[in-house]
Amino acid sequence: MWKTTGVLGVIGLLALSIPVRAGDDAKLREVVERAIKVHGGIDNLTKFKASVSKGKGKFHGLGQAIDFTSETSIQLPDRLRTEVKSKVGDQEFAFIQILNGNKGWRKIGDNTDEMDKDNLTEAKEQMNTANITQLVCLKNQDYKLSPLGEVKVGDRPAIGIRVEHKGYRDVNVFFDKEKGLLLKMETRGKDPMQGEEFASTTLYGDYKKVDGMMLPHKITVEHDGKPFVEVEVTEVKNSEKLDDSVFEKP
């Protein structure tokens, strides 16, 4: 949970009332332009709006490390399919979540349910972060950029930028000061089942070149500073468009 005292809340409101200077905005746009170039360039990032990636990792959300395999299909700007398979003891577990524009479904085992309003909202928030980490959308003036200063991500100096877009939660992104690669993303999440909010941090590493683009092959997610998911990407296939059937009701 993100908690703020009254004093911090007042400071936060004062900070929001201070406009970003034109010079700051220009410098942040330069950071974004450099990141786009380093990650593969505007032509590649614009061309490959879809991908299918496979991975393996550990899920820590239930208090113990559970091994899983995953396959994620994404079609920017508003389609996402995630399929996760795991085995706990002798019991196999399969989970599918699909976002297709303004519709979404979750399938656990043989049971498929349409997402309710809260789950659909969270899925759209995830889609928004996916668009942001693809970087190209940050050239759009609809995305407001604010400086967060220089910080350390691990042992790497990084430049932080707050990204704001109407209708979505703020997202903080941190780029390697020397290499320009995306190292970290911070935002907030909400568990629709429990109604509890949490601070979500995603760390990106082990970058490899695929189809002319630099893509992270190690992704670590923390909730409220605690390990939540660790993923090792084992395969990535990029494309201009995926078949519509990928995002149909499972």
Protein backbone atom coordinates (compact mmCIF):
# COMPACT_ATOMS: atom_id res chain seq x y z
CA MET A 1 0.00 0.00 0.00
CA TRP A 2 1.13 3.55 -0.72
CA LYS A 3 0.57 5.63 2.39
CA THR A 4 1.06 9.36 2.77
CA THR A 5 1.01 11.58 5.83
CA GLY A 6 -0.90 14.85 5.74
CA VAL A 7 2.32 16.83 5.30
CA LEU A 8 3.48 14.70 2.39
CA GLY A 9 0.05 15.00 0.84
CA VAL A 10 0.25 18.81 0.94
CA ILE A 11 3.74 18.74 -0.54
CA GLY A 12 2.48 16.47 -3.32
CA LEU A 13 -0.37 18.86 -4.16
CA LEU A 14 2.04 21.78 -4.26
CA ALA A 15 4.34 19.84 -6.59
CA LEU A 16 1.45 19.09 -8.94
CA SER A 17 0.61 22.80 -9.11
CA ILE A 18 4.08 23.69 -10.45
CA PRO A 19 4.13 23.54 -14.28
CA VAL A 20 6.94 21.79 -16.13
CA ARG A 21 9.20 24.38 -17.69
CA ALA A 22 9.58 24.30 -21.47
CA GLY A 23 13.29 23.62 -21.08
CA ASP A 24 12.62 20.62 -18.85
CA ASP A 25 10.09 19.22 -21.32
CA ALA A 26 12.54 19.57 -24.21
CA LYS A 27 15.27 17.78 -22.25
CA LEU A 28 12.92 14.95 -21.32
CA ARG A 29 11.81 14.61 -24.94
CA GLU A 30 15.50 14.28 -25.85
CA VAL A 31 15.88 11.44 -23.32
CA VAL A 32 12.88 9.70 -24.87
CA GLU A 33 14.19 10.19 -28.42
CA ARG A 34 17.52 8.68 -27.41
CA ALA A 35 15.79 5.73 -25.74
CA ILE A 36 13.71 5.10 -28.86
CA LYS A 37 16.87 5.07 -30.95
CA VAL A 38 18.72 2.75 -28.56
CA HIS A 39 15.81 0.31 -28.36
CA GLY A 40 15.70 -0.11 -32.13
CA GLY A 41 14.62 3.14 -33.73
CA ILE A 42 11.27 4.62 -34.62
CA ASP A 43 10.88 2.52 -37.80
CA ASN A 44 11.27 -0.84 -36.03
CA LEU A 45 9.26 0.14 -32.98
CA THR A 46 6.44 1.46 -35.16
CA LYS A 47 6.48 -1.50 -37.55
CA PHE A 48 6.48 -4.28 -34.93
CA LYS A 49 3.38 -3.46 -32.92
CA ALA A 50 2.73 -7.11 -32.12
CA SER A 51 4.69 -9.91 -30.49
CA VAL A 52 4.40 -13.34 -28.96
CA SER A 53 6.84 -14.07 -26.16
CA LYS A 54 7.37 -17.23 -24.14
CA GLY A 55 8.94 -17.38 -20.73
CA LYS A 56 9.50 -19.29 -17.54
CA GLY A 57 9.83 -18.09 -14.01
CA LYS A 58 8.65 -18.02 -10.43
CA PHE A 59 5.49 -16.58 -8.90
CA HIS A 60 5.77 -15.41 -5.27
CA GLY A 61 2.26 -14.04 -4.75
CA LEU A 62 1.06 -16.92 -2.55
CA GLY A 63 3.97 -16.75 -0.14
CA GLN A 64 6.07 -19.41 -1.82
CA ALA A 65 8.01 -19.61 -5.08
CA ILE A 66 5.90 -21.43 -7.68
CA ASP A 67 7.42 -22.33 -11.05
CA PHE A 68 5.43 -21.44 -14.16
CA THR A 69 5.64 -21.10 -17.93
CA SER A 70 3.94 -18.31 -19.83
CA GLU A 71 3.03 -17.12 -23.30
CA THR A 72 2.11 -13.49 -23.85
CA SER A 73 0.60 -12.13 -27.07
CA ILE A 74 0.32 -8.38 -27.48
CA GLN A 75 -1.09 -6.18 -30.20
CA LEU A 76 -0.68 -2.48 -29.52
CA PRO A 77 -2.54 -0.41 -28.57
CA ASP A 78 -5.33 -2.41 -26.89
CA ARG A 79 -5.03 -6.19 -27.21
CA LEU A 80 -3.29 -8.48 -24.75
CA ARG A 81 -3.43 -12.23 -24.10
CA THR A 82 -1.55 -13.90 -21.25
CA GLU A 83 -1.52 -17.66 -20.69
CA VAL A 84 0.16 -19.14 -17.62
CA LYS A 85 0.66 -22.80 -16.76
CA SER A 86 1.94 -24.16 -13.47
CA LYS A 87 1.99 -27.26 -11.33
CA VAL A 88 1.75 -27.35 -7.56
CA GLY A 89 2.35 -30.85 -6.25
CA ASP A 90 0.27 -33.12 -8.46
CA GLN A 91 -2.20 -30.39 -9.41
CA GLU A 92 -1.82 -28.60 -12.74
CA PHE A 93 -2.99 -25.03 -13.06
CA ALA A 94 -3.83 -23.06 -16.23
CA PHE A 95 -4.87 -19.42 -16.42
CA ILE A 96 -5.72 -17.25 -19.43
CA GLN A 97 -6.48 -13.52 -19.42
CA ILE A 98 -7.48 -11.64 -22.56
CA LEU A 99 -8.04 -7.95 -23.16
CA ASN A 100 -9.60 -7.06 -26.50
CA GLY A 101 -10.37 -3.35 -26.59
CA ASN A 102 -13.28 -2.79 -24.22
CA LYS A 103 -13.88 -6.50 -23.59
CA GLY A 104 -11.97 -8.98 -21.50
CA TRP A 105 -12.14 -12.55 -20.20
CA ARG A 106 -10.46 -14.74 -17.62
CA LYS A 107 -10.29 -18.50 -17.90
CA ILE A 108 -9.23 -20.70 -15.00
CA GLY A 109 -9.21 -24.38 -15.80
CA ASP A 110 -12.38 -24.99 -17.83
CA ASN A 111 -14.27 -21.96 -16.50
CA THR A 112 -14.40 -18.74 -18.51
CA ASP A 113 -15.81 -15.49 -17.10
CA GLU A 114 -16.17 -12.07 -18.64
CA MET A 115 -14.17 -9.44 -16.78
CA ASP A 116 -16.16 -7.17 -14.51
CA LYS A 117 -15.58 -3.42 -14.46
CA ASP A 118 -12.75 -3.50 -11.90
CA ASN A 119 -10.83 -6.31 -13.61
CA LEU A 120 -11.27 -4.62 -16.98
CA THR A 121 -9.94 -1.36 -15.56
CA GLU A 122 -6.82 -3.10 -14.24
CA ALA A 123 -6.26 -4.88 -17.56
CA LYS A 124 -6.44 -1.54 -19.36
CA GLU A 125 -3.92 -0.08 -16.90
CA GLN A 126 -1.57 -2.97 -17.77
CA MET A 127 -2.09 -2.21 -21.44
CA ASN A 128 -1.25 1.44 -20.85
CA THR A 129 2.08 0.50 -19.24
CA ALA A 130 2.80 -1.81 -22.18
CA ASN A 131 2.26 1.10 -24.56
CA ILE A 132 4.51 3.34 -22.48
CA THR A 133 7.35 0.82 -22.33
CA GLN A 134 7.18 0.55 -26.13
CA LEU A 135 8.22 4.25 -25.94
CA VAL A 136 6.82 5.58 -29.24
CA CYS A 137 3.63 6.91 -27.61
CA LEU A 138 5.78 9.19 -25.42
CA LYS A 139 6.36 11.39 -28.48
CA ASN A 140 2.67 12.25 -28.32
CA GLN A 141 1.90 15.50 -26.50
CA ASP A 142 -1.05 13.77 -24.80
CA TYR A 143 1.59 12.19 -22.56
CA LYS A 144 2.86 14.73 -20.06
CA LEU A 145 6.48 14.23 -18.99
CA SER A 146 7.92 15.49 -15.70
CA PRO A 147 11.49 15.16 -14.36
CA LEU A 148 12.24 12.81 -11.47
CA GLY A 149 15.96 13.53 -11.44
CA GLU A 150 18.87 11.12 -11.46
CA VAL A 151 18.70 7.96 -9.34
CA LYS A 152 20.46 4.62 -9.07
CA VAL A 153 18.80 1.48 -10.42
CA GLY A 154 20.98 -1.28 -9.05
CA ASP A 155 24.47 0.05 -9.69
CA ARG A 156 23.46 2.03 -12.79
CA PRO A 157 22.87 5.81 -12.83
CA ALA A 158 19.45 6.41 -14.35
CA ILE A 159 17.29 9.34 -15.45
CA GLY A 160 13.72 9.24 -14.14
CA ILE A 161 10.64 10.58 -15.91
CA ARG A 162 7.06 10.69 -14.66
CA VAL A 163 4.51 9.96 -17.39
CA GLU A 164 0.95 11.23 -17.03
CA HIS A 165 -1.99 10.49 -19.33
CA LYS A 166 -5.61 11.40 -18.73
CA GLY A 167 -7.66 8.47 -17.49
CA TYR A 168 -4.70 6.38 -16.30
CA ARG A 169 -2.44 6.21 -13.28
CA ASP A 170 0.92 7.94 -13.38
CA VAL A 171 3.85 5.80 -14.50
CA ASN A 172 7.51 6.45 -13.62
CA VAL A 173 10.15 5.23 -16.06
CA PHE A 174 13.91 5.17 -15.53
CA PHE A 175 16.46 5.04 -18.34
CA ASP A 176 20.12 4.09 -18.07
CA LYS A 177 21.96 7.41 -18.14
CA GLU A 178 24.82 6.02 -20.23
CA LYS A 179 23.14 3.40 -22.44
CA GLY A 180 19.62 4.78 -22.72
CA LEU A 181 17.93 1.46 -22.03
CA LEU A 182 14.79 1.23 -19.91
CA LEU A 183 15.80 -0.14 -16.51
CA LYS A 184 12.76 0.31 -14.30
CA MET A 185 9.09 1.20 -14.25
CA GLU A 186 7.01 2.22 -11.24
CA THR A 187 3.25 2.59 -10.99
CA ARG A 188 0.36 1.60 -8.76
CA GLY A 189 -1.88 -1.43 -9.00
CA LYS A 190 -5.06 -2.65 -7.41
CA ASP A 191 -6.22 -6.14 -6.54
CA PRO A 192 -9.85 -6.19 -7.77
CA MET A 193 -10.66 -9.15 -5.51
CA GLN A 194 -9.35 -7.60 -2.27
CA GLY A 195 -9.74 -3.95 -3.21
CA GLU A 196 -6.21 -3.25 -1.97
CA GLU A 197 -3.77 -0.98 -3.76
CA PHE A 198 -0.04 -1.64 -3.98
CA ALA A 199 3.13 -0.11 -5.35
CA SER A 200 4.30 -2.02 -8.42
CA THR A 201 7.92 -1.95 -9.57
CA THR A 202 9.20 -3.68 -12.70
CA LEU A 203 12.91 -4.14 -13.37
CA TYR A 204 14.25 -4.90 -16.86
CA GLY A 205 17.56 -6.57 -17.66
CA ASP A 206 19.50 -8.99 -19.86
CA TYR A 207 18.80 -7.03 -23.06
CA LYS A 208 19.23 -8.88 -26.35
CA LYS A 209 18.75 -7.77 -29.94
CA VAL A 210 15.73 -9.27 -31.72
CA ASP A 211 14.69 -8.07 -35.18
CA GLY A 212 16.87 -5.00 -34.75
CA MET A 213 15.32 -4.10 -31.38
CA MET A 214 16.82 -4.32 -27.91
CA LEU A 215 14.40 -6.31 -25.75
CA PRO A 216 14.71 -7.30 -22.08
CA HIS A 217 14.94 -11.04 -21.42
CA LYS A 218 14.83 -10.81 -17.65
CA ILE A 219 11.88 -9.11 -15.96
CA THR A 220 11.29 -8.85 -12.21
CA VAL A 221 8.10 -7.49 -10.65
CA GLU A 222 7.80 -6.39 -7.03
CA HIS A 223 4.65 -5.47 -5.11
CA ASP A 224 5.21 -3.15 -2.16
CA GLY A 225 8.92 -3.93 -2.37
CA LYS A 226 8.45 -7.71 -2.14
CA PRO A 227 9.14 -10.24 -4.95
CA PHE A 228 6.00 -11.00 -6.95
CA VAL A 229 7.06 -12.43 -10.33
CA GLU A 230 10.40 -13.30 -11.92
CA VAL A 231 10.41 -14.07 -15.64
CA GLU A 232 13.11 -15.27 -18.00
CA VAL A 233 12.06 -14.68 -21.61
CA THR A 234 12.98 -17.74 -23.67
CA GLU A 235 11.56 -16.77 -27.08
CA VAL A 236 10.23 -13.65 -28.81
CA LYS A 237 8.54 -13.45 -32.21
CA ASN A 238 7.70 -9.96 -33.45
CA SER A 239 5.19 -9.18 -36.17
CA GLU A 240 3.20 -6.31 -37.62
CA LYS A 241 -0.13 -7.86 -36.66
CA LEU A 242 -1.46 -10.98 -34.96
CA ASP A 243 -4.54 -12.87 -36.09
CA ASP A 244 -7.78 -11.60 -34.56
CA SER A 245 -8.57 -15.10 -33.27
CA VAL A 246 -5.73 -14.80 -30.72
CA PHE A 247 -7.79 -12.29 -28.76
CA GLU A 248 -11.19 -13.96 -28.98
CA LYS A 249 -13.05 -15.32 -25.96
CA PRO A 250 -11.18 -18.45 -24.76
